[in-house]
Amino acid sequence: MSVAEILKELPKLSAQDRAIVWDKLGEITVGEVPESFRKGMKDIAEGRHVAMEATLREEPPSAER
């Protein structure tokens, strides 16, 4: 199967199956991708992120007033 064929099939997978593919890719590329990037991508996938617009325009909840 070619890369083009694999990429064409990815959107057809369930969210759970795509997560499995993502995890496997992470295992394969451990030495090639910095850990900080991998952690950031995991945080995003698990909903731990803030929109850039919010960070630029809103005060953080911990800001003293």
PDB file of N, CA and C in Angstrom:
ATOM      1  N   MET A   1       0.853  -1.175   0.000  1.00  0.00           N
ATOM      2  CA  MET A   1       0.000   0.000   0.000  1.00  0.00           C
ATOM      3  C   MET A   1       0.899   1.237   0.000  1.00  0.00           C
ATOM      4  N   SER A   2       0.578   2.182  -0.843  1.00  0.00           N
ATOM      5  CA  SER A   2       1.382   3.401  -0.935  1.00  0.00           C
ATOM      6  C   SER A   2       0.977   4.403   0.148  1.00  0.00           C
ATOM      7  N   VAL A   3       1.818   5.390   0.348  1.00  0.00           N
ATOM      8  CA  VAL A   3       1.525   6.442   1.316  1.00  0.00           C
ATOM      9  C   VAL A   3       0.236   7.166   0.919  1.00  0.00           C
ATOM     10  N   ALA A   4       0.077   7.442  -0.368  1.00  0.00           N
ATOM     11  CA  ALA A   4      -1.130   8.124  -0.846  1.00  0.00           C
ATOM     12  C   ALA A   4      -2.380   7.315  -0.517  1.00  0.00           C
ATOM     13  N   GLU A   5      -2.291   6.001  -0.668  1.00  0.00           N
ATOM     14  CA  GLU A   5      -3.448   5.146  -0.366  1.00  0.00           C
ATOM     15  C   GLU A   5      -3.750   5.139   1.123  1.00  0.00           C
ATOM     16  N   ILE A   6      -2.704   5.091   1.928  1.00  0.00           N
ATOM     17  CA  ILE A   6      -2.891   5.117   3.382  1.00  0.00           C
ATOM     18  C   ILE A   6      -3.539   6.427   3.806  1.00  0.00           C
ATOM     19  N   LEU A   7      -3.026   7.542   3.299  1.00  0.00           N
ATOM     20  CA  LEU A   7      -3.579   8.855   3.659  1.00  0.00           C
ATOM     21  C   LEU A   7      -5.031   8.987   3.218  1.00  0.00           C
ATOM     22  N   LYS A   8      -5.372   8.394   2.109  1.00  0.00           N
ATOM     23  CA  LYS A   8      -6.751   8.435   1.608  1.00  0.00           C
ATOM     24  C   LYS A   8      -7.691   7.665   2.539  1.00  0.00           C
ATOM     25  N   GLU A   9      -7.185   6.611   3.164  1.00  0.00           N
ATOM     26  CA  GLU A   9      -8.008   5.769   4.030  1.00  0.00           C
ATOM     27  C   GLU A   9      -8.161   6.321   5.449  1.00  0.00           C
ATOM     28  N   LEU A  10      -7.225   7.128   5.909  1.00  0.00           N
ATOM     29  CA  LEU A  10      -7.263   7.616   7.292  1.00  0.00           C
ATOM     30  C   LEU A  10      -8.574   8.308   7.676  1.00  0.00           C
ATOM     31  N   PRO A  11      -9.133   9.197   6.848  1.00  0.00           N
ATOM     32  CA  PRO A  11     -10.378   9.849   7.236  1.00  0.00           C
ATOM     33  C   PRO A  11     -11.555   8.885   7.396  1.00  0.00           C
ATOM     34  N   LYS A  12     -11.459   7.723   6.820  1.00  0.00           N
ATOM     35  CA  LYS A  12     -12.542   6.734   6.906  1.00  0.00           C
ATOM     36  C   LYS A  12     -12.518   5.971   8.227  1.00  0.00           C
ATOM     37  N   LEU A  13     -11.427   6.074   8.967  1.00  0.00           N
ATOM     38  CA  LEU A  13     -11.315   5.365  10.238  1.00  0.00           C
ATOM     39  C   LEU A  13     -12.133   6.047  11.325  1.00  0.00           C
ATOM     40  N   SER A  14     -12.530   5.269  12.308  1.00  0.00           N
ATOM     41  CA  SER A  14     -13.209   5.842  13.473  1.00  0.00           C
ATOM     42  C   SER A  14     -12.203   6.657  14.280  1.00  0.00           C
ATOM     43  N   ALA A  15     -12.693   7.496  15.155  1.00  0.00           N
ATOM     44  CA  ALA A  15     -11.810   8.303  15.999  1.00  0.00           C
ATOM     45  C   ALA A  15     -10.911   7.403  16.834  1.00  0.00           C
ATOM     46  N   GLN A  16     -11.451   6.305  17.320  1.00  0.00           N
ATOM     47  CA  GLN A  16     -10.665   5.378  18.130  1.00  0.00           C
ATOM     48  C   GLN A  16      -9.542   4.748  17.300  1.00  0.00           C
ATOM     49  N   ASP A  17      -9.847   4.353  16.084  1.00  0.00           N
ATOM     50  CA  ASP A  17      -8.823   3.765  15.220  1.00  0.00           C
ATOM     51  C   ASP A  17      -7.766   4.786  14.817  1.00  0.00           C
ATOM     52  N   ARG A  18      -8.180   6.034  14.580  1.00  0.00           N
ATOM     53  CA  ARG A  18      -7.196   7.076  14.256  1.00  0.00           C
ATOM     54  C   ARG A  18      -6.260   7.308  15.443  1.00  0.00           C
ATOM     55  N   ALA A  19      -6.807   7.234  16.659  1.00  0.00           N
ATOM     56  CA  ALA A  19      -5.982   7.393  17.857  1.00  0.00           C
ATOM     57  C   ALA A  19      -4.955   6.264  17.953  1.00  0.00           C
ATOM     58  N   ILE A  20      -5.358   5.065  17.589  1.00  0.00           N
ATOM     59  CA  ILE A  20      -4.430   3.932  17.598  1.00  0.00           C
ATOM     60  C   ILE A  20      -3.315   4.158  16.584  1.00  0.00           C
ATOM     61  N   VAL A  21      -3.688   4.627  15.386  1.00  0.00           N
ATOM     62  CA  VAL A  21      -2.687   4.925  14.353  1.00  0.00           C
ATOM     63  C   VAL A  21      -1.735   5.999  14.863  1.00  0.00           C
ATOM     64  N   TRP A  22      -2.269   7.046  15.476  1.00  0.00           N
ATOM     65  CA  TRP A  22      -1.444   8.143  16.000  1.00  0.00           C
ATOM     66  C   TRP A  22      -0.458   7.618  17.039  1.00  0.00           C
ATOM     67  N   ASP A  23      -0.953   6.771  17.950  1.00  0.00           N
ATOM     68  CA  ASP A  23      -0.082   6.212  18.981  1.00  0.00           C
ATOM     69  C   ASP A  23       1.033   5.368  18.358  1.00  0.00           C
ATOM     70  N   LYS A  24       0.686   4.564  17.370  1.00  0.00           N
ATOM     71  CA  LYS A  24       1.683   3.719  16.712  1.00  0.00           C
ATOM     72  C   LYS A  24       2.728   4.572  15.996  1.00  0.00           C
ATOM     73  N   LEU A  25       2.282   5.637  15.332  1.00  0.00           N
ATOM     74  CA  LEU A  25       3.234   6.541  14.690  1.00  0.00           C
ATOM     75  C   LEU A  25       4.171   7.157  15.721  1.00  0.00           C
ATOM     76  N   GLY A  26       3.628   7.469  16.880  1.00  0.00           N
ATOM     77  CA  GLY A  26       4.453   8.012  17.953  1.00  0.00           C
ATOM     78  C   GLY A  26       5.525   7.039  18.391  1.00  0.00           C
ATOM     79  N   GLU A  27       5.164   5.758  18.475  1.00  0.00           N
ATOM     80  CA  GLU A  27       6.130   4.738  18.850  1.00  0.00           C
ATOM     81  C   GLU A  27       7.236   4.622  17.799  1.00  0.00           C
ATOM     82  N   ILE A  28       6.844   4.675  16.544  1.00  0.00           N
ATOM     83  CA  ILE A  28       7.788   4.509  15.445  1.00  0.00           C
ATOM     84  C   ILE A  28       8.774   5.675  15.371  1.00  0.00           C
ATOM     85  N   THR A  29       8.299   6.887  15.654  1.00  0.00           N
ATOM     86  CA  THR A  29       9.107   8.085  15.454  1.00  0.00           C
ATOM     87  C   THR A  29       9.731   8.632  16.737  1.00  0.00           C
ATOM     88  N   VAL A  30       9.818   7.827  17.774  1.00  0.00           N
ATOM     89  CA  VAL A  30      10.328   8.302  19.072  1.00  0.00           C
ATOM     90  C   VAL A  30      11.647   9.045  18.930  1.00  0.00           C
ATOM     91  N   GLY A  31      12.596   8.504  18.203  1.00  0.00           N
ATOM     92  CA  GLY A  31      13.904   9.133  18.093  1.00  0.00           C
ATOM     93  C   GLY A  31      13.953  10.306  17.147  1.00  0.00           C
ATOM     94  N   GLU A  32      12.915  10.497  16.350  1.00  0.00           N
ATOM     95  CA  GLU A  32      12.926  11.535  15.322  1.00  0.00           C
ATOM     96  C   GLU A  32      12.160  12.800  15.700  1.00  0.00           C
ATOM     97  N   VAL A  33      11.268  12.691  16.678  1.00  0.00           N
ATOM     98  CA  VAL A  33      10.418  13.819  17.054  1.00  0.00           C
ATOM     99  C   VAL A  33      10.737  14.198  18.499  1.00  0.00           C
ATOM    100  N   PRO A  34      11.032  15.481  18.761  1.00  0.00           N
ATOM    101  CA  PRO A  34      11.354  15.900  20.131  1.00  0.00           C
ATOM    102  C   PRO A  34      10.220  15.581  21.110  1.00  0.00           C
ATOM    103  N   GLU A  35      10.592  15.188  22.306  1.00  0.00           N
ATOM    104  CA  GLU A  35       9.602  14.834  23.332  1.00  0.00           C
ATOM    105  C   GLU A  35       8.662  16.006  23.630  1.00  0.00           C
ATOM    106  N   SER A  36       9.170  17.231  23.621  1.00  0.00           N
ATOM    107  CA  SER A  36       8.323  18.393  23.909  1.00  0.00           C
ATOM    108  C   SER A  36       7.212  18.532  22.869  1.00  0.00           C
ATOM    109  N   PHE A  37       7.517  18.248  21.609  1.00  0.00           N
ATOM    110  CA  PHE A  37       6.502  18.305  20.552  1.00  0.00           C
ATOM    111  C   PHE A  37       5.486  17.193  20.757  1.00  0.00           C
ATOM    112  N   ARG A  38       5.971  15.989  21.069  1.00  0.00           N
ATOM    113  CA  ARG A  38       5.073  14.853  21.287  1.00  0.00           C
ATOM    114  C   ARG A  38       4.131  15.129  22.454  1.00  0.00           C
ATOM    115  N   LYS A  39       4.667  15.743  23.523  1.00  0.00           N
ATOM    116  CA  LYS A  39       3.830  16.074  24.681  1.00  0.00           C
ATOM    117  C   LYS A  39       2.777  17.113  24.302  1.00  0.00           C
ATOM    118  N   GLY A  40       3.188  18.115  23.537  1.00  0.00           N
ATOM    119  CA  GLY A  40       2.235  19.137  23.097  1.00  0.00           C
ATOM    120  C   GLY A  40       1.117  18.561  22.246  1.00  0.00           C
ATOM    121  N   MET A  41       1.466  17.652  21.348  1.00  0.00           N
ATOM    122  CA  MET A  41       0.446  17.028  20.508  1.00  0.00           C
ATOM    123  C   MET A  41      -0.504  16.169  21.347  1.00  0.00           C
ATOM    124  N   LYS A  42       0.028  15.502  22.358  1.00  0.00           N
ATOM    125  CA  LYS A  42      -0.825  14.700  23.243  1.00  0.00           C
ATOM    126  C   LYS A  42      -1.770  15.614  24.024  1.00  0.00           C
ATOM    127  N   ASP A  43      -1.242  16.729  24.529  1.00  0.00           N
ATOM    128  CA  ASP A  43      -2.082  17.686  25.252  1.00  0.00           C
ATOM    129  C   ASP A  43      -3.226  18.181  24.370  1.00  0.00           C
ATOM    130  N   ILE A  44      -2.925  18.503  23.131  1.00  0.00           N
ATOM    131  CA  ILE A  44      -3.965  18.971  22.205  1.00  0.00           C
ATOM    132  C   ILE A  44      -4.998  17.881  21.971  1.00  0.00           C
ATOM    133  N   ALA A  45      -4.536  16.664  21.728  1.00  0.00           N
ATOM    134  CA  ALA A  45      -5.451  15.548  21.469  1.00  0.00           C
ATOM    135  C   ALA A  45      -6.363  15.275  22.657  1.00  0.00           C
ATOM    136  N   GLU A  46      -5.876  15.564  23.869  1.00  0.00           N
ATOM    137  CA  GLU A  46      -6.660  15.320  25.070  1.00  0.00           C
ATOM    138  C   GLU A  46      -7.402  16.561  25.555  1.00  0.00           C
ATOM    139  N   GLY A  47      -7.412  17.614  24.733  1.00  0.00           N
ATOM    140  CA  GLY A  47      -8.194  18.813  25.044  1.00  0.00           C
ATOM    141  C   GLY A  47      -7.537  19.801  25.987  1.00  0.00           C
ATOM    142  N   ARG A  48      -6.254  19.645  26.245  1.00  0.00           N
ATOM    143  CA  ARG A  48      -5.558  20.575  27.139  1.00  0.00           C
ATOM    144  C   ARG A  48      -4.839  21.631  26.311  1.00  0.00           C
ATOM    145  N   HIS A  49      -5.604  22.613  25.874  1.00  0.00           N
ATOM    146  CA  HIS A  49      -5.016  23.694  25.087  1.00  0.00           C
ATOM    147  C   HIS A  49      -5.889  24.939  25.204  1.00  0.00           C
ATOM    148  N   VAL A  50      -5.332  26.052  24.811  1.00  0.00           N
ATOM    149  CA  VAL A  50      -6.048  27.328  24.823  1.00  0.00           C
ATOM    150  C   VAL A  50      -5.870  27.955  23.447  1.00  0.00           C
ATOM    151  N   ALA A  51      -6.932  28.504  22.913  1.00  0.00           N
ATOM    152  CA  ALA A  51      -6.853  29.150  21.600  1.00  0.00           C
ATOM    153  C   ALA A  51      -5.887  30.328  21.656  1.00  0.00           C
ATOM    154  N   MET A  52      -5.100  30.504  20.618  1.00  0.00           N
ATOM    155  CA  MET A  52      -4.108  31.579  20.572  1.00  0.00           C
ATOM    156  C   MET A  52      -4.782  32.940  20.763  1.00  0.00           C
ATOM    157  N   GLU A  53      -5.958  33.125  20.193  1.00  0.00           N
ATOM    158  CA  GLU A  53      -6.660  34.398  20.330  1.00  0.00           C
ATOM    159  C   GLU A  53      -6.962  34.694  21.798  1.00  0.00           C
ATOM    160  N   ALA A  54      -7.345  33.668  22.541  1.00  0.00           N
ATOM    161  CA  ALA A  54      -7.656  33.847  23.960  1.00  0.00           C
ATOM    162  C   ALA A  54      -6.401  34.222  24.741  1.00  0.00           C
ATOM    163  N   THR A  55      -5.281  33.613  24.407  1.00  0.00           N
ATOM    164  CA  THR A  55      -4.048  33.919  25.140  1.00  0.00           C
ATOM    165  C   THR A  55      -3.584  35.336  24.877  1.00  0.00           C
ATOM    166  N   LEU A  56      -3.919  35.871  23.730  1.00  0.00           N
ATOM    167  CA  LEU A  56      -3.487  37.221  23.387  1.00  0.00           C
ATOM    168  C   LEU A  56      -4.437  38.301  23.899  1.00  0.00           C
ATOM    169  N   ARG A  57      -5.704  37.966  24.099  1.00  0.00           N
ATOM    170  CA  ARG A  57      -6.702  38.983  24.424  1.00  0.00           C
ATOM    171  C   ARG A  57      -7.281  38.901  25.834  1.00  0.00           C
ATOM    172  N   GLU A  58      -7.166  37.736  26.478  1.00  0.00           N
ATOM    173  CA  GLU A  58      -7.795  37.553  27.782  1.00  0.00           C
ATOM    174  C   GLU A  58      -6.744  37.388  28.871  1.00  0.00           C
ATOM    175  N   GLU A  59      -7.106  37.828  30.095  1.00  0.00           N
ATOM    176  CA  GLU A  59      -6.205  37.616  31.219  1.00  0.00           C
ATOM    177  C   GLU A  59      -6.351  36.182  31.694  1.00  0.00           C
ATOM    178  N   PRO A  60      -5.261  35.569  32.108  1.00  0.00           N
ATOM    179  CA  PRO A  60      -5.350  34.196  32.614  1.00  0.00           C
ATOM    180  C   PRO A  60      -6.127  34.169  33.923  1.00  0.00           C
ATOM    181  N   PRO A  61      -6.747  33.040  34.237  1.00  0.00           N
ATOM    182  CA  PRO A  61      -7.541  32.950  35.475  1.00  0.00           C
ATOM    183  C   PRO A  61      -6.723  33.237  36.723  1.00  0.00           C
ATOM    184  N   SER A  62      -5.423  32.991  36.684  1.00  0.00           N
ATOM    185  CA  SER A  62      -4.588  33.207  37.856  1.00  0.00           C
ATOM    186  C   SER A  62      -4.054  34.634  37.985  1.00  0.00           C
ATOM    187  N   ALA A  63      -4.414  35.509  37.045  1.00  0.00           N
ATOM    188  CA  ALA A  63      -3.893  36.889  37.075  1.00  0.00           C
ATOM    189  C   ALA A  63      -4.468  37.641  38.278  1.00  0.00           C
ATOM    190  N   GLU A  64      -3.593  38.378  38.950  1.00  0.00           N
ATOM    191  CA  GLU A  64      -4.043  39.172  40.091  1.00  0.00           C
ATOM    192  C   GLU A  64      -4.780  40.394  39.584  1.00  0.00           C
ATOM    193  N   ARG A  65      -5.812  40.767  40.277  1.00  0.00           N
ATOM    194  CA  ARG A  65      -6.606  41.933  39.847  1.00  0.00           C
ATOM    195  C   ARG A  65      -6.611  42.961  40.935  1.00  0.00           C
TER     196      ARG A  65
END
